């Protein structure tokens, strides 16, 4: 079984943090699926309490 690592190029830390957050929040097991990420985003959006 091969292990693959995503290696980000040298990018300022404040730019890589959202990328890292996106991958950790929306990865399913060992892979990242944009369609699954979109689905999870919609679920989180529905659960948000409206601010007044």
N, C-alpha and C. Protein backbone atom coordinates (compact mmCIF):
# COMPACT_ATOMS: atom_id res chain seq x y z
N UNK A 1 0.84 -1.18 0.00
CA UNK A 1 0.00 0.00 0.00
C UNK A 1 0.89 1.24 0.00
N UNK A 2 0.67 2.10 -0.95
CA UNK A 2 1.46 3.32 -1.06
C UNK A 2 0.80 4.45 -0.28
N UNK A 3 1.60 5.27 0.33
CA UNK A 3 1.12 6.46 1.01
C UNK A 3 1.52 7.67 0.19
N UNK A 4 0.55 8.52 -0.07
CA UNK A 4 0.80 9.73 -0.85
C UNK A 4 0.62 10.93 0.06
N UNK A 5 1.52 11.88 -0.06
CA UNK A 5 1.44 13.10 0.71
C UNK A 5 1.28 14.27 -0.24
N UNK A 6 0.43 15.19 0.14
CA UNK A 6 0.27 16.41 -0.63
C UNK A 6 1.33 17.39 -0.16
N UNK A 7 2.15 17.81 -1.06
CA UNK A 7 3.23 18.74 -0.71
C UNK A 7 2.89 20.10 -1.31
N UNK A 8 2.68 21.07 -0.43
CA UNK A 8 2.36 22.42 -0.88
C UNK A 8 3.64 23.16 -1.21
N UNK A 9 3.64 23.95 -2.26
CA UNK A 9 4.83 24.74 -2.57
C UNK A 9 5.06 25.79 -1.49
N UNK A 10 6.19 26.44 -1.54
CA UNK A 10 6.52 27.46 -0.55
C UNK A 10 5.57 28.65 -0.73
N UNK A 11 4.56 28.68 0.12
CA UNK A 11 3.54 29.72 0.09
C UNK A 11 3.48 30.31 1.50
N UNK A 12 3.26 31.61 1.62
CA UNK A 12 3.16 32.19 2.96
C UNK A 12 2.14 31.45 3.83
N UNK A 13 2.44 31.33 5.11
CA UNK A 13 1.61 30.55 6.04
C UNK A 13 0.15 30.97 6.03
N UNK A 14 -0.13 32.26 5.97
CA UNK A 14 -1.53 32.68 6.03
C UNK A 14 -2.31 32.23 4.80
N UNK A 15 -1.64 31.89 3.73
CA UNK A 15 -2.31 31.36 2.54
C UNK A 15 -2.52 29.85 2.68
N UNK A 16 -1.57 29.16 3.29
CA UNK A 16 -1.68 27.70 3.40
C UNK A 16 -2.67 27.26 4.47
N UNK A 17 -2.94 28.09 5.47
CA UNK A 17 -3.86 27.70 6.53
C UNK A 17 -5.25 27.38 6.01
N UNK A 18 -5.86 28.20 5.15
CA UNK A 18 -7.18 27.84 4.63
C UNK A 18 -7.16 26.54 3.80
N UNK A 19 -6.06 26.32 3.08
CA UNK A 19 -5.94 25.09 2.29
C UNK A 19 -5.89 23.89 3.22
N UNK A 20 -5.07 23.99 4.25
CA UNK A 20 -4.95 22.92 5.22
C UNK A 20 -6.29 22.66 5.92
N UNK A 21 -6.98 23.73 6.29
CA UNK A 21 -8.28 23.61 6.95
C UNK A 21 -9.28 22.93 6.02
N UNK A 22 -9.28 23.32 4.76
CA UNK A 22 -10.18 22.72 3.77
C UNK A 22 -9.94 21.22 3.65
N UNK A 23 -8.67 20.84 3.57
CA UNK A 23 -8.35 19.42 3.43
C UNK A 23 -8.72 18.63 4.68
N UNK A 24 -8.45 19.18 5.85
CA UNK A 24 -8.76 18.44 7.07
C UNK A 24 -10.27 18.38 7.31
N UNK A 25 -10.98 19.42 6.95
CA UNK A 25 -12.42 19.47 7.17
C UNK A 25 -13.18 18.58 6.19
N UNK A 26 -12.72 18.50 4.97
CA UNK A 26 -13.50 17.84 3.92
C UNK A 26 -12.88 16.58 3.34
N UNK A 27 -11.82 16.09 3.92
CA UNK A 27 -11.25 14.83 3.43
C UNK A 27 -12.09 13.68 3.95
N UNK A 28 -12.30 12.72 3.09
CA UNK A 28 -13.02 11.51 3.50
C UNK A 28 -12.02 10.38 3.53
N UNK A 29 -11.61 10.00 4.71
CA UNK A 29 -10.59 8.97 4.82
C UNK A 29 -9.26 9.49 4.34
N UNK A 30 -8.78 8.93 3.24
CA UNK A 30 -7.47 9.32 2.72
C UNK A 30 -7.55 10.15 1.45
N UNK A 31 -8.76 10.51 1.04
CA UNK A 31 -8.87 11.25 -0.21
C UNK A 31 -9.72 12.51 -0.03
N UNK A 32 -9.62 13.40 -0.99
CA UNK A 32 -10.38 14.64 -1.01
C UNK A 32 -11.29 14.61 -2.23
N UNK A 33 -12.55 14.85 -2.00
CA UNK A 33 -13.52 14.87 -3.08
C UNK A 33 -14.21 16.23 -3.11
N UNK A 34 -14.02 17.01 -4.18
CA UNK A 34 -14.67 18.32 -4.25
C UNK A 34 -16.20 18.24 -4.13
N UNK A 35 -16.80 17.22 -4.72
CA UNK A 35 -18.26 17.11 -4.64
C UNK A 35 -18.71 16.81 -3.21
N UNK A 36 -17.95 15.97 -2.49
CA UNK A 36 -18.26 15.69 -1.08
C UNK A 36 -18.05 16.95 -0.24
N UNK A 37 -17.01 17.72 -0.57
CA UNK A 37 -16.74 18.96 0.15
C UNK A 37 -17.90 19.94 -0.02
N UNK A 38 -18.43 20.03 -1.23
CA UNK A 38 -19.56 20.91 -1.50
C UNK A 38 -20.78 20.45 -0.71
N UNK A 39 -21.01 19.15 -0.68
CA UNK A 39 -22.13 18.58 0.06
C UNK A 39 -22.02 18.91 1.56
N UNK A 40 -20.82 18.72 2.12
CA UNK A 40 -20.60 19.02 3.53
C UNK A 40 -20.78 20.52 3.81
N UNK A 41 -20.33 21.36 2.87
CA UNK A 41 -20.49 22.80 3.02
C UNK A 41 -21.97 23.16 3.11
N UNK A 42 -22.78 22.59 2.23
CA UNK A 42 -24.21 22.87 2.24
C UNK A 42 -24.86 22.43 3.54
N UNK A 43 -24.43 21.27 4.07
CA UNK A 43 -24.97 20.78 5.34
C UNK A 43 -24.60 21.74 6.47
N UNK A 44 -23.35 22.21 6.49
CA UNK A 44 -22.94 23.15 7.53
C UNK A 44 -23.70 24.46 7.40
N UNK A 45 -23.93 24.90 6.18
CA UNK A 45 -24.63 26.17 5.93
C UNK A 45 -26.07 26.08 6.45
N UNK A 46 -26.73 24.94 6.24
CA UNK A 46 -28.11 24.74 6.70
C UNK A 46 -28.21 24.75 8.22
N UNK A 47 -27.17 24.28 8.90
CA UNK A 47 -27.19 24.20 10.36
C UNK A 47 -26.88 25.52 11.04
N UNK A 48 -26.35 26.49 10.29
CA UNK A 48 -25.99 27.78 10.89
C UNK A 48 -27.22 28.49 11.42
N UNK A 49 -27.06 29.10 12.57
CA UNK A 49 -28.12 29.89 13.16
C UNK A 49 -28.02 31.30 12.59
N UNK A 50 -29.12 31.83 12.07
CA UNK A 50 -29.06 33.18 11.50
C UNK A 50 -28.70 34.21 12.57
N UNK A 51 -27.87 35.17 12.21
CA UNK A 51 -27.51 36.23 13.14
C UNK A 51 -28.48 37.40 12.98
N UNK A 52 -28.80 37.99 14.08
CA UNK A 52 -29.76 39.11 14.05
C UNK A 52 -29.04 40.39 14.38
